[in-house]
Protein backbone atom coordinates (compact mmCIF):
# COMPACT_ATOMS: atom_id res chain seq x y z
CA MET A 1 -22.75 15.48 7.59
CA ASP A 2 -23.37 16.70 4.18
CA PRO A 3 -24.35 14.01 1.48
CA ILE A 4 -22.04 14.97 -0.96
CA LEU A 5 -19.17 14.89 1.31
CA ALA A 6 -20.25 11.38 2.80
CA LEU A 7 -20.54 10.11 -0.87
CA LYS A 8 -16.94 11.08 -1.72
CA ALA A 9 -15.65 9.60 1.51
CA ILE A 10 -17.21 6.36 0.60
CA ILE A 11 -15.78 6.52 -2.59
CA MET A 12 -12.38 7.23 -1.22
CA GLY A 13 -12.77 4.24 1.05
CA ILE A 14 -13.91 1.84 -1.67
CA VAL A 15 -10.71 2.98 -3.81
CA GLU A 16 -8.29 2.48 -0.84
CA GLY A 17 -9.65 -0.73 0.18
CA LEU A 18 -9.47 -2.12 -3.59
CA THR A 19 -6.11 -0.71 -4.33
CA GLU A 20 -4.02 -0.94 -1.05
CA PHE A 21 -2.98 -4.75 -1.41
CA LEU A 22 -2.53 -4.42 -5.22
CA PRO A 23 0.77 -3.51 -6.83
CA ILE A 24 -1.07 -0.41 -8.43
CA SER A 25 -0.75 2.13 -5.45
CA SER A 26 -3.41 3.30 -3.43
CA THR A 27 -1.94 6.63 -2.54
CA GLY A 28 -1.84 7.04 -6.42
CA HIS A 29 -5.45 6.37 -7.16
CA LEU A 30 -6.59 8.18 -3.89
CA ILE A 31 -4.76 11.24 -5.34
CA LEU A 32 -6.38 10.80 -8.58
CA ALA A 33 -9.65 9.92 -7.40
CA GLY A 34 -9.75 13.04 -4.97
CA SER A 35 -8.72 15.38 -8.07
CA LEU A 36 -11.65 14.02 -10.10
CA LEU A 37 -13.99 14.53 -7.10
CA ASP A 38 -12.47 17.85 -6.08
CA PHE A 39 -11.65 16.38 -2.67
CA VAL A 40 -8.60 18.01 -1.98
CA GLY A 41 -6.81 20.15 0.65
CA PRO A 42 -4.55 19.34 3.75
CA LYS A 43 -7.30 17.54 5.69
CA VAL A 44 -8.02 15.46 2.85
CA LYS A 45 -4.30 14.11 3.04
CA VAL A 46 -4.54 13.03 6.39
CA PHE A 47 -8.17 11.38 5.46
CA GLU A 48 -6.32 9.72 2.91
CA ILE A 49 -3.67 8.23 5.16
CA ALA A 50 -6.08 7.40 7.94
CA ILE A 51 -8.55 5.26 5.95
CA GLN A 52 -5.82 2.83 5.60
CA THR A 53 -6.63 1.91 9.01
CA GLY A 54 -9.80 0.02 7.47
CA ALA A 55 -7.82 -1.80 5.01
CA LEU A 56 -5.82 -2.71 7.51
CA LEU A 57 -8.43 -4.04 9.69
CA ALA A 58 -9.29 -6.33 6.57
CA VAL A 59 -5.77 -7.92 6.55
CA ILE A 60 -5.89 -8.31 10.51
CA TRP A 61 -9.65 -10.25 10.25
CA GLU A 62 -8.26 -12.21 7.29
CA TYR A 63 -5.07 -13.41 9.28
CA ARG A 64 -6.48 -13.75 12.58
CA ALA A 65 -6.00 -17.12 13.33
CA ARG A 66 -2.45 -16.73 12.29
CA ILE A 67 -2.19 -13.42 14.29
CA ALA A 68 -3.32 -15.22 17.53
CA ASP A 69 -1.09 -17.76 17.27
CA ILE A 70 1.97 -15.60 16.99
CA SER A 71 0.83 -13.92 19.71
CA GLY A 72 0.55 -16.76 22.01
CA GLY A 73 3.85 -18.29 21.12
CA LEU A 74 5.67 -15.02 21.26
CA PHE A 75 7.32 -15.58 24.52
CA ARG A 76 7.94 -19.54 24.04
CA GLU A 77 8.17 -20.02 20.39
CA ARG A 78 11.55 -19.34 18.49
CA ARG A 79 9.36 -19.42 15.31
CA SER A 80 7.06 -16.58 16.55
CA GLN A 81 9.87 -14.48 17.89
CA ARG A 82 11.80 -14.50 14.54
CA PHE A 83 8.47 -13.83 12.58
CA VAL A 84 7.85 -10.49 14.79
CA LEU A 85 11.54 -9.52 14.53
CA ASN A 86 11.58 -9.92 10.71
CA ILE A 87 8.47 -7.60 10.76
CA ILE A 88 10.04 -4.97 13.06
CA VAL A 89 13.18 -5.32 10.98
CA ALA A 90 11.43 -4.72 7.53
CA PHE A 91 9.33 -1.89 8.95
CA ILE A 92 12.26 0.34 10.03
CA PRO A 93 13.72 1.52 6.58
CA ALA A 94 10.10 2.88 5.49
CA ALA A 95 9.62 4.62 9.17
CA ALA A 96 12.73 6.32 9.07
CA LEU A 97 12.66 7.75 5.79
CA GLY A 98 9.43 8.73 6.06
CA LEU A 99 9.99 10.78 8.99
CA MET A 100 13.27 12.31 7.29
CA PHE A 101 11.05 13.51 4.12
CA ALA A 102 7.58 13.21 4.69
CA SER A 103 7.13 16.90 4.60
CA VAL A 104 8.90 17.27 1.28
CA ILE A 105 7.16 14.15 -0.29
CA ASN A 106 3.56 15.41 0.52
CA GLU A 107 4.63 19.11 -0.60
CA LYS A 108 6.12 18.04 -4.04
CA LEU A 109 4.79 14.38 -4.93
CA PHE A 110 1.25 14.40 -4.15
CA THR A 111 0.10 15.62 -7.27
CA PRO A 112 -1.42 13.81 -10.40
CA VAL A 113 1.78 14.14 -12.65
CA PRO A 114 4.09 12.55 -10.46
CA VAL A 115 2.08 9.86 -9.52
CA ALA A 116 1.33 8.82 -13.17
CA ILE A 117 5.22 9.05 -13.80
CA ALA A 118 5.58 6.66 -10.73
CA PHE A 119 2.86 4.47 -12.06
CA ILE A 120 4.50 3.95 -15.42
CA VAL A 121 8.02 3.47 -13.82
CA GLY A 122 6.51 0.85 -11.57
CA GLY A 123 4.84 -0.79 -14.12
CA PHE A 124 8.18 -1.52 -16.31
CA LEU A 125 10.15 -2.74 -13.05
CA ILE A 126 7.01 -5.45 -12.78
CA LEU A 127 7.26 -6.52 -16.07
CA TRP A 128 10.98 -6.79 -15.77
CA ILE A 129 11.04 -9.01 -12.57
CA GLU A 130 8.33 -10.98 -14.13
CA ARG A 131 10.27 -11.68 -17.15
CA ALA A 132 12.98 -12.32 -15.15
CA ASN A 133 11.20 -15.04 -13.13
CA ARG A 134 9.95 -16.71 -16.34
CA LEU A 135 13.41 -16.81 -17.44
CA GLY A 136 14.59 -18.55 -14.34
CA LEU A 137 17.11 -15.89 -13.50
CA HIS A 138 15.72 -15.15 -10.04
CA LYS A 139 15.77 -18.55 -8.12
CA VAL A 140 13.28 -19.14 -5.45
CA ARG A 141 15.23 -19.23 -2.13
CA VAL A 142 12.44 -18.78 0.17
CA GLU A 143 8.97 -20.63 -0.12
CA SER A 144 7.30 -19.48 3.41
CA VAL A 145 7.39 -16.49 5.77
CA ASP A 146 8.23 -18.54 8.42
CA ASP A 147 11.67 -19.12 6.45
CA MET A 148 12.49 -15.85 6.09
CA SER A 149 16.04 -14.70 7.62
CA ILE A 150 16.49 -11.13 8.93
CA VAL A 151 18.47 -10.14 6.03
CA ASP A 152 15.39 -11.08 3.97
CA ALA A 153 13.14 -8.88 5.83
CA LEU A 154 15.70 -5.95 5.90
CA LYS A 155 15.99 -6.27 2.01
CA VAL A 156 12.14 -6.36 1.67
CA GLY A 157 11.72 -3.34 3.89
CA CYS A 158 14.43 -1.23 1.98
CA ALA A 159 12.20 -2.08 -1.30
CA GLN A 160 8.96 -1.12 0.55
CA ALA A 161 10.41 2.40 1.56
CA PHE A 162 10.62 3.34 -2.12
CA ALA A 163 6.81 3.28 -1.81
CA LEU A 164 7.30 6.59 -0.03
CA ILE A 165 7.05 8.13 -3.66
CA PRO A 166 3.51 8.32 -4.09
CA GLY A 167 2.42 6.12 -7.23
CA THR A 168 4.99 3.55 -6.38
CA SER A 169 2.60 1.29 -4.48
CA ARG A 170 3.76 -0.06 -1.16
CA SER A 171 2.53 -3.72 -1.47
CA GLY A 172 3.80 -3.78 -5.09
CA ALA A 173 7.25 -2.39 -3.74
CA SER A 174 7.38 -5.29 -1.08
CA ILE A 175 5.99 -7.83 -2.92
CA ILE A 176 7.96 -7.47 -6.32
CA GLY A 177 11.24 -6.61 -4.02
CA GLY A 178 10.79 -9.49 -2.30
CA MET A 179 10.30 -11.78 -5.33
CA TYR A 180 13.69 -10.03 -6.53
CA PHE A 181 15.64 -11.19 -3.40
CA GLY A 182 14.61 -14.62 -3.87
CA LEU A 183 10.87 -15.06 -1.91
CA SER A 184 8.09 -17.00 -3.50
CA ARG A 185 5.29 -15.10 -5.09
CA LYS A 186 3.08 -16.53 -1.83
CA ALA A 187 5.58 -15.69 0.60
CA ALA A 188 6.30 -12.12 -0.70
CA THR A 189 2.52 -11.53 -0.86
CA GLU A 190 1.83 -12.69 2.83
CA PHE A 191 4.81 -10.85 4.22
CA SER A 192 3.70 -7.88 2.47
CA PHE A 193 0.21 -8.25 4.19
CA PHE A 194 1.80 -8.62 7.64
CA LEU A 195 4.13 -5.76 6.95
CA ALA A 196 1.36 -3.79 6.12
CA ILE A 197 0.07 -3.57 9.86
CA PRO A 198 2.93 -1.56 11.46
CA THR A 199 3.46 0.52 8.32
CA LEU A 200 -0.15 1.56 7.90
CA PHE A 201 -0.88 1.83 11.61
CA GLY A 202 2.29 3.99 12.34
CA ALA A 203 1.52 6.07 9.12
CA THR A 204 -2.07 7.00 10.06
CA ILE A 205 -0.88 7.49 13.91
CA TYR A 206 1.67 9.99 12.68
CA SER A 207 -0.21 11.89 10.15
CA VAL A 208 -3.08 12.29 12.62
CA TYR A 209 -0.60 13.51 15.42
CA LYS A 210 0.75 15.96 12.99
CA ALA A 211 -2.39 17.25 11.55
CA ARG A 212 -4.37 17.55 15.05
CA ASP A 213 -4.68 21.15 14.72
CA LEU A 214 -6.54 20.70 11.60
CA LEU A 215 -8.94 18.06 12.49
CA SER A 216 -12.23 18.06 15.05
CA MET A 217 -14.91 16.06 15.92
CA SER A 218 -17.08 17.16 13.35
CA ASP A 219 -14.39 14.96 11.02
CA VAL A 220 -15.24 11.77 12.74
CA PRO A 221 -18.35 10.82 10.71
CA MET A 222 -16.21 11.35 7.38
CA PHE A 223 -13.29 9.51 8.60
CA ALA A 224 -15.43 6.72 9.85
CA LEU A 225 -17.40 6.17 6.69
CA GLY A 226 -14.30 6.01 4.62
CA GLY A 227 -12.73 3.61 6.77
CA PHE A 228 -15.51 1.57 6.77
CA ALA A 229 -15.98 1.45 3.18
CA ALA A 230 -12.00 0.75 3.09
CA PHE A 231 -12.50 -2.05 5.38
CA VAL A 232 -15.21 -3.68 3.41
CA SER A 233 -13.76 -3.55 -0.27
CA GLY A 234 -10.21 -4.42 1.46
CA PHE A 235 -11.63 -7.85 2.88
CA PHE A 236 -12.61 -8.94 -0.58
CA CYS A 237 -9.62 -7.86 -2.27
CA VAL A 238 -7.49 -9.63 0.13
CA ARG A 239 -9.13 -12.86 -0.49
CA TRP A 240 -9.41 -12.43 -4.09
CA LEU A 241 -5.78 -11.75 -4.49
CA LEU A 242 -4.45 -14.67 -2.47
CA ARG A 243 -6.63 -16.61 -5.04
CA TYR A 244 -5.19 -14.93 -7.81
CA ILE A 245 -1.50 -15.42 -7.29
CA SER A 246 -2.02 -19.12 -7.31
CA THR A 247 -2.47 -19.03 -10.69
CA HIS A 248 -1.44 -15.89 -11.83
CA ASP A 249 1.59 -13.30 -12.07
CA PHE A 250 1.61 -9.72 -11.86
CA THR A 251 2.07 -8.66 -15.58
CA PHE A 252 -1.75 -7.55 -15.74
CA PHE A 253 -0.99 -5.02 -13.03
CA ALA A 254 2.08 -3.88 -15.15
CA TYR A 255 0.11 -3.10 -18.11
CA TYR A 256 -2.52 -1.43 -16.12
CA ARG A 257 -0.27 0.99 -14.32
CA ILE A 258 1.34 1.66 -17.80
CA VAL A 259 -1.57 2.39 -19.74
CA PHE A 260 -3.39 4.31 -16.55
CA GLY A 261 -0.35 6.35 -16.19
CA LEU A 262 -0.02 7.50 -20.06
CA PHE A 263 -3.66 8.39 -19.77
CA VAL A 264 -3.24 10.66 -16.76
CA LEU A 265 -0.09 12.47 -18.36
CA LEU A 266 -1.87 12.99 -21.94
CA SER A 267 -5.08 14.12 -20.17
CA ALA A 268 -3.16 16.47 -17.98
CA HIS A 269 -1.41 17.79 -21.06
CA TYR A 270 -4.00 17.95 -23.40
CA ASP A 271 -6.81 19.21 -20.78
CA TRP A 272 -8.74 16.20 -21.39
CA VAL A 273 -9.41 16.31 -17.73
CA VAL A 274 -9.26 19.22 -15.20
CA TRP A 275 -6.74 17.29 -12.40
CA SER A 276 -7.04 19.45 -8.95
CA GLU A 277 -3.45 20.03 -7.63
């Protein structure tokens, strides 16, 4: 395997793991990082989606005891059954819309400028939600993921569907959307983690299947390196985020999104950075 290609795959994996579960858009950062690294093309788009599996495995490992408990009680405990049903219901909106519009989104929106615009818009939405929370305009109704109803899950799933727009952030849409609909910050964050399991796994399977004619066995090392890097960085990111939300809100990430998005727009307009399409 070419050393330069291997290094690019590792960098992209680290970016994926560090950004997948933060409200700053992993897809957006991968598009921008790939553009800077001149790591672009149809096969790279598949790679960017496939390495999400590495970050997904970090969540599964972090919550392995909880997942085992839910699996063990699936056929005898109402709590476990309701939890799994909520995940399925929340998964459906993004899955359905993704199947309908994936090709259009990939063709039109997987470029730096649309991503930058989504960064900025998402940042202002986070600021708005956090301000409403500080003013007490959104009352917390659900303190734990175990207390969520099917309607709560459907609302979060509809919010997550907005993340089909690159730069929006899957975790950001589901967490901030969950908070807007009455979930506590902890419940919204944990539900977003669990919702990532079918969402990322499904996206990977679909993307790899659709692009099967583009791929070959020679691509396996590149995908494996990227996935492993995403697992390691994702593991540390998940643990850090759980500690962070216990004492902080998401305002920092909102300002980061806005500043970073403005930089990308300005750099593209004034040719400070040559962004690859």
